């Protein structure tokens, strides 16, 4: 009986860690930390050629 409770607790802990990791990845996707050149070319599409 105690073994079952321990397994459930560990599974909930693993799920909570995965949820926190996924939320962090989503946050990084919305707030990328990239250079201005990268942002202008790939994200904003404000320049047509990659600056040399």
C-alpha atoms as a PDB file:
ATOM      1  CA  UNK A   1       0.000   0.000   0.000  1.00  0.00           C
ATOM      2  CA  UNK A   2       2.760   2.472   0.921  1.00  0.00           C
ATOM      3  CA  UNK A   3       4.662   1.493  -2.223  1.00  0.00           C
ATOM      4  CA  UNK A   4       1.665   2.516  -4.348  1.00  0.00           C
ATOM      5  CA  UNK A   5       1.473   5.931  -2.646  1.00  0.00           C
ATOM      6  CA  UNK A   6       5.200   6.443  -3.174  1.00  0.00           C
ATOM      7  CA  UNK A   7       4.926   5.607  -6.871  1.00  0.00           C
ATOM      8  CA  UNK A   8       1.978   7.973  -7.321  1.00  0.00           C
ATOM      9  CA  UNK A   9       3.856  10.752  -5.541  1.00  0.00           C
ATOM     10  CA  UNK A  10       6.910  10.264  -7.731  1.00  0.00           C
ATOM     11  CA  UNK A  11       4.763  10.280 -10.872  1.00  0.00           C
ATOM     12  CA  UNK A  12       3.047  13.511  -9.811  1.00  0.00           C
ATOM     13  CA  UNK A  13       6.449  15.047  -9.090  1.00  0.00           C
ATOM     14  CA  UNK A  14       7.752  14.001 -12.504  1.00  0.00           C
ATOM     15  CA  UNK A  15       4.651  15.457 -14.191  1.00  0.00           C
ATOM     16  CA  UNK A  16       5.045  18.713 -12.279  1.00  0.00           C
ATOM     17  CA  UNK A  17       8.681  18.957 -13.384  1.00  0.00           C
ATOM     18  CA  UNK A  18       7.697  18.374 -17.007  1.00  0.00           C
ATOM     19  CA  UNK A  19       4.980  21.009 -16.808  1.00  0.00           C
ATOM     20  CA  UNK A  20       7.434  23.532 -15.367  1.00  0.00           C
ATOM     21  CA  UNK A  21       9.944  22.722 -18.109  1.00  0.00           C
ATOM     22  CA  UNK A  22       7.322  23.133 -20.854  1.00  0.00           C
ATOM     23  CA  UNK A  23       6.151  26.447 -19.396  1.00  0.00           C
ATOM     24  CA  UNK A  24       9.755  27.672 -19.358  1.00  0.00           C
ATOM     25  CA  UNK A  25      10.202  26.638 -23.015  1.00  0.00           C
ATOM     26  CA  UNK A  26       6.998  28.481 -23.955  1.00  0.00           C
ATOM     27  CA  UNK A  27       8.254  31.567 -22.110  1.00  0.00           C
ATOM     28  CA  UNK A  28      11.539  31.412 -24.046  1.00  0.00           C
ATOM     29  CA  UNK A  29       9.572  31.150 -27.275  1.00  0.00           C
ATOM     30  CA  UNK A  30       7.663  34.337 -26.532  1.00  0.00           C
ATOM     31  CA  UNK A  31      10.715  36.249 -25.266  1.00  0.00           C
ATOM     32  CA  UNK A  32      13.656  35.191 -27.470  1.00  0.00           C
ATOM     33  CA  UNK A  33      17.044  36.657 -26.606  1.00  0.00           C
ATOM     34  CA  UNK A  34      18.590  37.132 -30.034  1.00  0.00           C
ATOM     35  CA  UNK A  35      20.642  39.797 -31.771  1.00  0.00           C
ATOM     36  CA  UNK A  36      18.967  42.684 -33.591  1.00  0.00           C
ATOM     37  CA  UNK A  37      20.109  41.337 -36.967  1.00  0.00           C
ATOM     38  CA  UNK A  38      18.607  37.911 -36.300  1.00  0.00           C
ATOM     39  CA  UNK A  39      15.367  39.465 -35.080  1.00  0.00           C
ATOM     40  CA  UNK A  40      15.081  41.737 -38.134  1.00  0.00           C
ATOM     41  CA  UNK A  41      15.719  38.937 -40.641  1.00  0.00           C
ATOM     42  CA  UNK A  42      14.000  35.877 -39.136  1.00  0.00           C
ATOM     43  CA  UNK A  43      11.354  37.185 -36.718  1.00  0.00           C
ATOM     44  CA  UNK A  44      10.221  40.605 -37.959  1.00  0.00           C
ATOM     45  CA  UNK A  45      11.101  40.096 -41.663  1.00  0.00           C
ATOM     46  CA  UNK A  46      12.024  43.771 -41.959  1.00  0.00           C
ATOM     47  CA  UNK A  47      15.151  43.164 -44.067  1.00  0.00           C
ATOM     48  CA  UNK A  48      15.360  41.059 -47.226  1.00  0.00           C
ATOM     49  CA  UNK A  49      19.004  39.953 -47.035  1.00  0.00           C
ATOM     50  CA  UNK A  50      21.145  38.798 -44.169  1.00  0.00           C
ATOM     51  CA  UNK A  51      23.545  41.618 -43.279  1.00  0.00           C
ATOM     52  CA  UNK A  52      27.209  40.823 -43.855  1.00  0.00           C
END
